[in-house]
PDB file of N, CA and C in Angstrom:
ATOM      1  N   MET A   1     -74.255   9.889 -42.475  1.00  0.00           N
ATOM      2  CA  MET A   1     -73.035   9.195 -42.829  1.00  0.00           C
ATOM      3  C   MET A   1     -71.804   9.942 -42.302  1.00  0.00           C
ATOM      4  N   MET A   2     -71.835  11.263 -42.429  1.00  0.00           N
ATOM      5  CA  MET A   2     -70.709  12.065 -41.956  1.00  0.00           C
ATOM      6  C   MET A   2     -70.531  11.911 -40.445  1.00  0.00           C
ATOM      7  N   LEU A   3     -71.627  11.842 -39.710  1.00  0.00           N
ATOM      8  CA  LEU A   3     -71.570  11.679 -38.258  1.00  0.00           C
ATOM      9  C   LEU A   3     -70.928  10.342 -37.902  1.00  0.00           C
ATOM     10  N   VAL A   4     -71.299   9.299 -38.615  1.00  0.00           N
ATOM     11  CA  VAL A   4     -70.722   7.976 -38.367  1.00  0.00           C
ATOM     12  C   VAL A   4     -69.212   8.009 -38.605  1.00  0.00           C
ATOM     13  N   MET A   5     -68.788   8.663 -39.673  1.00  0.00           N
ATOM     14  CA  MET A   5     -67.356   8.757 -39.971  1.00  0.00           C
ATOM     15  C   MET A   5     -66.611   9.529 -38.885  1.00  0.00           C
ATOM     16  N   LEU A   6     -67.208  10.598 -38.384  1.00  0.00           N
ATOM     17  CA  LEU A   6     -66.587  11.373 -37.308  1.00  0.00           C
ATOM     18  C   LEU A   6     -66.462  10.544 -36.032  1.00  0.00           C
ATOM     19  N   ILE A   7     -67.508   9.795 -35.719  1.00  0.00           N
ATOM     20  CA  ILE A   7     -67.486   8.955 -34.520  1.00  0.00           C
ATOM     21  C   ILE A   7     -66.419   7.872 -34.648  1.00  0.00           C
ATOM     22  N   LEU A   8     -66.360   7.208 -35.795  1.00  0.00           N
ATOM     23  CA  LEU A   8     -65.344   6.174 -36.005  1.00  0.00           C
ATOM     24  C   LEU A   8     -63.937   6.753 -35.938  1.00  0.00           C
ATOM     25  N   ASP A   9     -63.745   7.951 -36.452  1.00  0.00           N
ATOM     26  CA  ASP A   9     -62.447   8.618 -36.388  1.00  0.00           C
ATOM     27  C   ASP A   9     -62.050   8.884 -34.937  1.00  0.00           C
ATOM     28  N   LYS A  10     -62.998   9.364 -34.143  1.00  0.00           N
ATOM     29  CA  LYS A  10     -62.717   9.639 -32.718  1.00  0.00           C
ATOM     30  C   LYS A  10     -62.387   8.351 -31.971  1.00  0.00           C
ATOM     31  N   ILE A  11     -63.116   7.278 -32.264  1.00  0.00           N
ATOM     32  CA  ILE A  11     -62.851   5.992 -31.616  1.00  0.00           C
ATOM     33  C   ILE A  11     -61.461   5.499 -31.988  1.00  0.00           C
ATOM     34  N   GLY A  12     -61.108   5.577 -33.275  1.00  0.00           N
ATOM     35  CA  GLY A  12     -59.780   5.148 -33.712  1.00  0.00           C
ATOM     36  C   GLY A  12     -58.676   5.952 -33.063  1.00  0.00           C
ATOM     37  N   THR A  13     -58.853   7.277 -32.967  1.00  0.00           N
ATOM     38  CA  THR A  13     -57.854   8.138 -32.335  1.00  0.00           C
ATOM     39  C   THR A  13     -57.724   7.809 -30.853  1.00  0.00           C
ATOM     40  N   TYR A  14     -58.856   7.566 -30.161  1.00  0.00           N
ATOM     41  CA  TYR A  14     -58.834   7.212 -28.735  1.00  0.00           C
ATOM     42  C   TYR A  14     -58.094   5.891 -28.535  1.00  0.00           C
ATOM     43  N   GLN A  15     -58.428   4.882 -29.350  1.00  0.00           N
ATOM     44  CA  GLN A  15     -57.774   3.583 -29.216  1.00  0.00           C
ATOM     45  C   GLN A  15     -56.273   3.700 -29.479  1.00  0.00           C
ATOM     46  N   GLU A  16     -55.921   4.493 -30.462  1.00  0.00           N
ATOM     47  CA  GLU A  16     -54.509   4.653 -30.786  1.00  0.00           C
ATOM     48  C   GLU A  16     -53.753   5.383 -29.677  1.00  0.00           C
ATOM     49  N   SER A  17     -54.378   6.370 -29.048  1.00  0.00           N
ATOM     50  CA  SER A  17     -53.691   7.102 -27.979  1.00  0.00           C
ATOM     51  C   SER A  17     -53.443   6.206 -26.773  1.00  0.00           C
ATOM     52  N   ASN A  18     -54.240   5.157 -26.612  1.00  0.00           N
ATOM     53  CA  ASN A  18     -54.049   4.228 -25.501  1.00  0.00           C
ATOM     54  C   ASN A  18     -53.048   3.119 -25.808  1.00  0.00           C
ATOM     55  N   LEU A  19     -52.529   3.111 -27.025  1.00  0.00           N
ATOM     56  CA  LEU A  19     -51.551   2.113 -27.439  1.00  0.00           C
ATOM     57  C   LEU A  19     -50.160   2.498 -26.926  1.00  0.00           C
ATOM     58  N   SER A  20     -49.461   1.510 -26.420  1.00  0.00           N
ATOM     59  CA  SER A  20     -48.077   1.703 -25.999  1.00  0.00           C
ATOM     60  C   SER A  20     -47.244   0.599 -26.639  1.00  0.00           C
ATOM     61  N   VAL A  21     -46.254   0.967 -27.431  1.00  0.00           N
ATOM     62  CA  VAL A  21     -45.393  -0.031 -28.075  1.00  0.00           C
ATOM     63  C   VAL A  21     -43.935   0.410 -28.008  1.00  0.00           C
ATOM     64  N   ASN A  22     -43.071  -0.568 -28.007  1.00  0.00           N
ATOM     65  CA  ASN A  22     -41.625  -0.349 -28.100  1.00  0.00           C
ATOM     66  C   ASN A  22     -41.029  -1.664 -28.579  1.00  0.00           C
ATOM     67  N   CYS A  23     -41.212  -1.929 -29.875  1.00  0.00           N
ATOM     68  CA  CYS A  23     -40.885  -3.244 -30.403  1.00  0.00           C
ATOM     69  C   CYS A  23     -40.356  -3.162 -31.825  1.00  0.00           C
ATOM     70  N   VAL A  24     -39.820  -4.282 -32.275  1.00  0.00           N
ATOM     71  CA  VAL A  24     -39.386  -4.431 -33.657  1.00  0.00           C
ATOM     72  C   VAL A  24     -40.596  -4.821 -34.498  1.00  0.00           C
ATOM     73  N   VAL A  25     -40.733  -4.195 -35.658  1.00  0.00           N
ATOM     74  CA  VAL A  25     -41.831  -4.490 -36.574  1.00  0.00           C
ATOM     75  C   VAL A  25     -41.547  -5.827 -37.253  1.00  0.00           C
ATOM     76  N   GLN A  26     -42.467  -6.780 -37.067  1.00  0.00           N
ATOM     77  CA  GLN A  26     -42.321  -8.109 -37.674  1.00  0.00           C
ATOM     78  C   GLN A  26     -42.928  -8.156 -39.072  1.00  0.00           C
ATOM     79  N   LYS A  27     -43.978  -7.371 -39.279  1.00  0.00           N
ATOM     80  CA  LYS A  27     -44.687  -7.370 -40.561  1.00  0.00           C
ATOM     81  C   LYS A  27     -45.343  -6.008 -40.722  1.00  0.00           C
ATOM     82  N   VAL A  28     -45.469  -5.532 -41.957  1.00  0.00           N
ATOM     83  CA  VAL A  28     -46.153  -4.269 -42.212  1.00  0.00           C
ATOM     84  C   VAL A  28     -46.879  -4.366 -43.548  1.00  0.00           C
ATOM     85  N   SER A  29     -48.077  -3.795 -43.592  1.00  0.00           N
ATOM     86  CA  SER A  29     -48.820  -3.673 -44.845  1.00  0.00           C
ATOM     87  C   SER A  29     -49.512  -2.316 -44.825  1.00  0.00           C
ATOM     88  N   TYR A  30     -49.796  -1.808 -46.003  1.00  0.00           N
ATOM     89  CA  TYR A  30     -50.408  -0.484 -46.132  1.00  0.00           C
ATOM     90  C   TYR A  30     -51.727  -0.586 -46.874  1.00  0.00           C
ATOM     91  N   ASP A  31     -52.742   0.108 -46.382  1.00  0.00           N
ATOM     92  CA  ASP A  31     -54.023   0.208 -47.065  1.00  0.00           C
ATOM     93  C   ASP A  31     -53.786   0.868 -48.417  1.00  0.00           C
ATOM     94  N   GLN A  32     -54.306   0.284 -49.478  1.00  0.00           N
ATOM     95  CA  GLN A  32     -54.041   0.808 -50.817  1.00  0.00           C
ATOM     96  C   GLN A  32     -54.670   2.171 -51.060  1.00  0.00           C
ATOM     97  N   ASN A  33     -55.786   2.469 -50.419  1.00  0.00           N
ATOM     98  CA  ASN A  33     -56.476   3.739 -50.659  1.00  0.00           C
ATOM     99  C   ASN A  33     -55.873   4.899 -49.877  1.00  0.00           C
ATOM    100  N   LYS A  34     -55.551   4.674 -48.611  1.00  0.00           N
ATOM    101  CA  LYS A  34     -55.108   5.774 -47.749  1.00  0.00           C
ATOM    102  C   LYS A  34     -53.658   5.658 -47.301  1.00  0.00           C
ATOM    103  N   GLY A  35     -53.035   4.518 -47.527  1.00  0.00           N
ATOM    104  CA  GLY A  35     -51.659   4.339 -47.072  1.00  0.00           C
ATOM    105  C   GLY A  35     -51.550   4.112 -45.578  1.00  0.00           C
ATOM    106  N   THR A  36     -52.673   3.764 -44.932  1.00  0.00           N
ATOM    107  CA  THR A  36     -52.682   3.514 -43.488  1.00  0.00           C
ATOM    108  C   THR A  36     -51.942   2.206 -43.203  1.00  0.00           C
ATOM    109  N   PRO A  37     -50.916   2.252 -42.338  1.00  0.00           N
ATOM    110  CA  PRO A  37     -50.160   1.032 -42.069  1.00  0.00           C
ATOM    111  C   PRO A  37     -50.822   0.144 -41.021  1.00  0.00           C
ATOM    112  N   THR A  38     -50.704  -1.143 -41.246  1.00  0.00           N
ATOM    113  CA  THR A  38     -51.014  -2.139 -40.215  1.00  0.00           C
ATOM    114  C   THR A  38     -49.697  -2.845 -39.941  1.00  0.00           C
ATOM    115  N   ILE A  39     -49.278  -2.812 -38.673  1.00  0.00           N
ATOM    116  CA  ILE A  39     -47.998  -3.423 -38.301  1.00  0.00           C
ATOM    117  C   ILE A  39     -48.242  -4.610 -37.385  1.00  0.00           C
ATOM    118  N   THR A  40     -47.309  -5.537 -37.404  1.00  0.00           N
ATOM    119  CA  THR A  40     -47.340  -6.657 -36.473  1.00  0.00           C
ATOM    120  C   THR A  40     -46.123  -6.537 -35.578  1.00  0.00           C
ATOM    121  N   VAL A  41     -46.372  -6.459 -34.265  1.00  0.00           N
ATOM    122  CA  VAL A  41     -45.305  -6.447 -33.260  1.00  0.00           C
ATOM    123  C   VAL A  41     -45.707  -7.428 -32.173  1.00  0.00           C
ATOM    124  N   ASN A  42     -44.758  -8.210 -31.717  1.00  0.00           N
ATOM    125  CA  ASN A  42     -45.041  -9.249 -30.717  1.00  0.00           C
ATOM    126  C   ASN A  42     -46.222 -10.113 -31.133  1.00  0.00           C
ATOM    127  N   ASN A  43     -46.313 -10.399 -32.433  1.00  0.00           N
ATOM    128  CA  ASN A  43     -47.359 -11.239 -33.018  1.00  0.00           C
ATOM    129  C   ASN A  43     -48.771 -10.683 -32.849  1.00  0.00           C
ATOM    130  N   ILE A  44     -48.898  -9.371 -32.648  1.00  0.00           N
ATOM    131  CA  ILE A  44     -50.196  -8.696 -32.553  1.00  0.00           C
ATOM    132  C   ILE A  44     -50.256  -7.650 -33.650  1.00  0.00           C
ATOM    133  N   ASN A  45     -51.384  -7.594 -34.360  1.00  0.00           N
ATOM    134  CA  ASN A  45     -51.575  -6.614 -35.434  1.00  0.00           C
ATOM    135  C   ASN A  45     -52.163  -5.328 -34.881  1.00  0.00           C
ATOM    136  N   TYR A  46     -51.602  -4.198 -35.311  1.00  0.00           N
ATOM    137  CA  TYR A  46     -52.094  -2.873 -34.942  1.00  0.00           C
ATOM    138  C   TYR A  46     -52.257  -2.049 -36.216  1.00  0.00           C
ATOM    139  N   THR A  47     -53.438  -1.496 -36.409  1.00  0.00           N
ATOM    140  CA  THR A  47     -53.642  -0.561 -37.504  1.00  0.00           C
ATOM    141  C   THR A  47     -53.437   0.832 -36.946  1.00  0.00           C
ATOM    142  N   LEU A  48     -52.540   1.589 -37.543  1.00  0.00           N
ATOM    143  CA  LEU A  48     -52.185   2.913 -37.046  1.00  0.00           C
ATOM    144  C   LEU A  48     -53.068   3.957 -37.724  1.00  0.00           C
ATOM    145  N   TYR A  49     -54.220   4.189 -37.120  1.00  0.00           N
ATOM    146  CA  TYR A  49     -55.171   5.163 -37.639  1.00  0.00           C
ATOM    147  C   TYR A  49     -54.689   6.563 -37.307  1.00  0.00           C
ATOM    148  N   GLY A  50     -55.604   7.491 -37.275  1.00  0.00           N
ATOM    149  CA  GLY A  50     -55.246   8.856 -36.932  1.00  0.00           C
ATOM    150  C   GLY A  50     -54.897   9.644 -38.177  1.00  0.00           C
ATOM    151  N   HIS A  51     -54.298  10.770 -37.961  1.00  0.00           N
ATOM    152  CA  HIS A  51     -54.036  11.709 -39.043  1.00  0.00           C
ATOM    153  C   HIS A  51     -52.547  11.806 -39.370  1.00  0.00           C
ATOM    154  N   ILE A  52     -51.802  10.768 -39.052  1.00  0.00           N
ATOM    155  CA  ILE A  52     -50.365  10.778 -39.299  1.00  0.00           C
ATOM    156  C   ILE A  52     -50.083  10.110 -40.638  1.00  0.00           C
ATOM    157  N   ASP A  53     -49.293  10.760 -41.459  1.00  0.00           N
ATOM    158  CA  ASP A  53     -48.863  10.178 -42.721  1.00  0.00           C
ATOM    159  C   ASP A  53     -47.492   9.550 -42.500  1.00  0.00           C
ATOM    160  N   PHE A  54     -47.443   8.236 -42.463  1.00  0.00           N
ATOM    161  CA  PHE A  54     -46.191   7.531 -42.226  1.00  0.00           C
ATOM    162  C   PHE A  54     -45.344   7.421 -43.489  1.00  0.00           C
ATOM    163  N   LYS A  55     -45.879   7.888 -44.604  1.00  0.00           N
ATOM    164  CA  LYS A  55     -45.149   7.992 -45.875  1.00  0.00           C
ATOM    165  C   LYS A  55     -44.480   6.680 -46.293  1.00  0.00           C
ATOM    166  N   TYR A  56     -45.113   5.569 -45.940  1.00  0.00           N
ATOM    167  CA  TYR A  56     -44.622   4.242 -46.335  1.00  0.00           C
ATOM    168  C   TYR A  56     -43.191   3.995 -45.851  1.00  0.00           C
ATOM    169  N   LYS A  57     -42.798   4.606 -44.742  1.00  0.00           N
ATOM    170  CA  LYS A  57     -41.414   4.475 -44.257  1.00  0.00           C
ATOM    171  C   LYS A  57     -41.218   3.333 -43.269  1.00  0.00           C
ATOM    172  N   ILE A  58     -42.295   2.758 -42.756  1.00  0.00           N
ATOM    173  CA  ILE A  58     -42.163   1.657 -41.801  1.00  0.00           C
ATOM    174  C   ILE A  58     -41.841   0.383 -42.570  1.00  0.00           C
ATOM    175  N   GLU A  59     -40.772  -0.297 -42.141  1.00  0.00           N
ATOM    176  CA  GLU A  59     -40.347  -1.532 -42.794  1.00  0.00           C
ATOM    177  C   GLU A  59     -40.104  -2.617 -41.752  1.00  0.00           C
ATOM    178  N   ILE A  60     -40.134  -3.845 -42.213  1.00  0.00           N
ATOM    179  CA  ILE A  60     -39.842  -4.980 -41.337  1.00  0.00           C
ATOM    180  C   ILE A  60     -38.443  -4.807 -40.754  1.00  0.00           C
ATOM    181  N   GLY A  61     -38.325  -5.039 -39.442  1.00  0.00           N
ATOM    182  CA  GLY A  61     -37.035  -4.923 -38.755  1.00  0.00           C
ATOM    183  C   GLY A  61     -36.809  -3.575 -38.101  1.00  0.00           C
ATOM    184  N   ASP A  62     -37.607  -2.567 -38.469  1.00  0.00           N
ATOM    185  CA  ASP A  62     -37.495  -1.253 -37.820  1.00  0.00           C
ATOM    186  C   ASP A  62     -38.035  -1.337 -36.399  1.00  0.00           C
ATOM    187  N   MET A  63     -37.518  -0.496 -35.529  1.00  0.00           N
ATOM    188  CA  MET A  63     -38.017  -0.391 -34.159  1.00  0.00           C
ATOM    189  C   MET A  63     -39.034   0.743 -34.120  1.00  0.00           C
ATOM    190  N   ILE A  64     -40.220   0.470 -33.577  1.00  0.00           N
ATOM    191  CA  ILE A  64     -41.233   1.519 -33.445  1.00  0.00           C
ATOM    192  C   ILE A  64     -41.588   1.652 -31.970  1.00  0.00           C
ATOM    193  N   SER A  65     -41.705   2.897 -31.527  1.00  0.00           N
ATOM    194  CA  SER A  65     -42.073   3.130 -30.127  1.00  0.00           C
ATOM    195  C   SER A  65     -43.073   4.271 -30.033  1.00  0.00           C
ATOM    196  N   LYS A  66     -43.952   4.140 -29.035  1.00  0.00           N
ATOM    197  CA  LYS A  66     -44.977   5.138 -28.774  1.00  0.00           C
ATOM    198  C   LYS A  66     -45.415   4.974 -27.337  1.00  0.00           C
ATOM    199  N   LYS A  67     -45.528   6.072 -26.627  1.00  0.00           N
ATOM    200  CA  LYS A  67     -45.979   6.040 -25.242  1.00  0.00           C
ATOM    201  C   LYS A  67     -47.492   6.173 -25.177  1.00  0.00           C
ATOM    202  N   LYS A  68     -48.089   5.481 -24.225  1.00  0.00           N
ATOM    203  CA  LYS A  68     -49.525   5.561 -24.012  1.00  0.00           C
ATOM    204  C   LYS A  68     -49.916   7.004 -23.700  1.00  0.00           C
ATOM    205  N   GLY A  69     -51.022   7.444 -24.273  1.00  0.00           N
ATOM    206  CA  GLY A  69     -51.515   8.796 -24.028  1.00  0.00           C
ATOM    207  C   GLY A  69     -51.012   9.824 -25.016  1.00  0.00           C
ATOM    208  N   THR A  70     -50.162   9.397 -25.955  1.00  0.00           N
ATOM    209  CA  THR A  70     -49.653  10.315 -26.979  1.00  0.00           C
ATOM    210  C   THR A  70     -50.010   9.764 -28.358  1.00  0.00           C
ATOM    211  N   VAL A  71     -49.827  10.578 -29.358  1.00  0.00           N
ATOM    212  CA  VAL A  71     -49.959  10.113 -30.744  1.00  0.00           C
ATOM    213  C   VAL A  71     -48.664  10.436 -31.499  1.00  0.00           C
ATOM    214  N   ILE A  72     -47.559  10.325 -30.779  1.00  0.00           N
ATOM    215  CA  ILE A  72     -46.238  10.561 -31.354  1.00  0.00           C
ATOM    216  C   ILE A  72     -45.497   9.222 -31.429  1.00  0.00           C
ATOM    217  N   TYR A  73     -45.059   8.888 -32.624  1.00  0.00           N
ATOM    218  CA  TYR A  73     -44.326   7.651 -32.857  1.00  0.00           C
ATOM    219  C   TYR A  73     -42.878   7.974 -33.179  1.00  0.00           C
ATOM    220  N   GLN A  74     -41.973   7.125 -32.675  1.00  0.00           N
ATOM    221  CA  GLN A  74     -40.568   7.223 -33.064  1.00  0.00           C
ATOM    222  C   GLN A  74     -40.222   5.935 -33.796  1.00  0.00           C
ATOM    223  N   LEU A  75     -39.705   6.090 -34.990  1.00  0.00           N
ATOM    224  CA  LEU A  75     -39.292   4.959 -35.801  1.00  0.00           C
ATOM    225  C   LEU A  75     -37.774   4.992 -35.906  1.00  0.00           C
ATOM    226  N   THR A  76     -37.130   3.898 -35.547  1.00  0.00           N
ATOM    227  CA  THR A  76     -35.684   3.777 -35.690  1.00  0.00           C
ATOM    228  C   THR A  76     -35.425   2.774 -36.809  1.00  0.00           C
ATOM    229  N   LYS A  77     -34.803   3.258 -37.876  1.00  0.00           N
ATOM    230  CA  LYS A  77     -34.565   2.423 -39.054  1.00  0.00           C
ATOM    231  C   LYS A  77     -33.542   1.341 -38.732  1.00  0.00           C
ATOM    232  N   LYS A  78     -33.819   0.130 -39.179  1.00  0.00           N
ATOM    233  CA  LYS A  78     -32.987  -1.036 -38.861  1.00  0.00           C
ATOM    234  C   LYS A  78     -31.577  -0.943 -39.422  1.00  0.00           C
ATOM    235  N   ASP A  79     -31.440  -0.382 -40.602  1.00  0.00           N
ATOM    236  CA  ASP A  79     -30.140  -0.423 -41.257  1.00  0.00           C
ATOM    237  C   ASP A  79     -29.243   0.767 -40.948  1.00  0.00           C
ATOM    238  N   ARG A  80     -29.835   1.912 -40.651  1.00  0.00           N
ATOM    239  CA  ARG A  80     -29.029   3.125 -40.446  1.00  0.00           C
ATOM    240  C   ARG A  80     -29.084   3.657 -39.015  1.00  0.00           C
ATOM    241  N   GLY A  81     -30.065   3.202 -38.237  1.00  0.00           N
ATOM    242  CA  GLY A  81     -30.233   3.747 -36.908  1.00  0.00           C
ATOM    243  C   GLY A  81     -30.861   5.129 -36.914  1.00  0.00           C
ATOM    244  N   GLU A  82     -31.244   5.593 -38.107  1.00  0.00           N
ATOM    245  CA  GLU A  82     -31.891   6.917 -38.242  1.00  0.00           C
ATOM    246  C   GLU A  82     -33.207   6.924 -37.475  1.00  0.00           C
ATOM    247  N   LYS A  83     -33.457   8.004 -36.753  1.00  0.00           N
ATOM    248  CA  LYS A  83     -34.693   8.146 -35.998  1.00  0.00           C
ATOM    249  C   LYS A  83     -35.615   9.119 -36.729  1.00  0.00           C
ATOM    250  N   ILE A  84     -36.875   8.691 -36.898  1.00  0.00           N
ATOM    251  CA  ILE A  84     -37.875   9.506 -37.554  1.00  0.00           C
ATOM    252  C   ILE A  84     -39.050   9.655 -36.602  1.00  0.00           C
ATOM    253  N   ILE A  85     -39.482  10.885 -36.385  1.00  0.00           N
ATOM    254  CA  ILE A  85     -40.614  11.168 -35.504  1.00  0.00           C
ATOM    255  C   ILE A  85     -41.844  11.454 -36.353  1.00  0.00           C
ATOM    256  N   PHE A  86     -42.962  10.802 -35.996  1.00  0.00           N
ATOM    257  CA  PHE A  86     -44.240  11.029 -36.655  1.00  0.00           C
ATOM    258  C   PHE A  86     -45.240  11.490 -35.615  1.00  0.00           C
ATOM    259  N   GLY A  87     -46.039  12.472 -35.929  1.00  0.00           N
ATOM    260  CA  GLY A  87     -47.083  12.969 -35.034  1.00  0.00           C
ATOM    261  C   GLY A  87     -46.811  14.385 -34.600  1.00  0.00           C
ATOM    262  N   ASP A  88     -47.651  14.836 -33.676  1.00  0.00           N
ATOM    263  CA  ASP A  88     -47.558  16.227 -33.191  1.00  0.00           C
ATOM    264  C   ASP A  88     -46.473  16.408 -32.180  1.00  0.00           C
TER     265      ASP A  88
END
């Protein structure tokens, strides 16, 4: 079971590192157990796996950006323009 969990974690991290976004968040929901966010941008749902704690800070209308090949997200808050960096 532990091996399966490790493999799924690696797959999720690989898929996430290949994600490239620079869009306004249309919808967001959080997994009740882990707080893992699923966001909708350009009418596509993305679950943001990995080891980043987004601390429930992603909200509808915020701008989220991430370059392919990284696991660093920049969140720009809709109301204040505040920039928050998540990841390594």
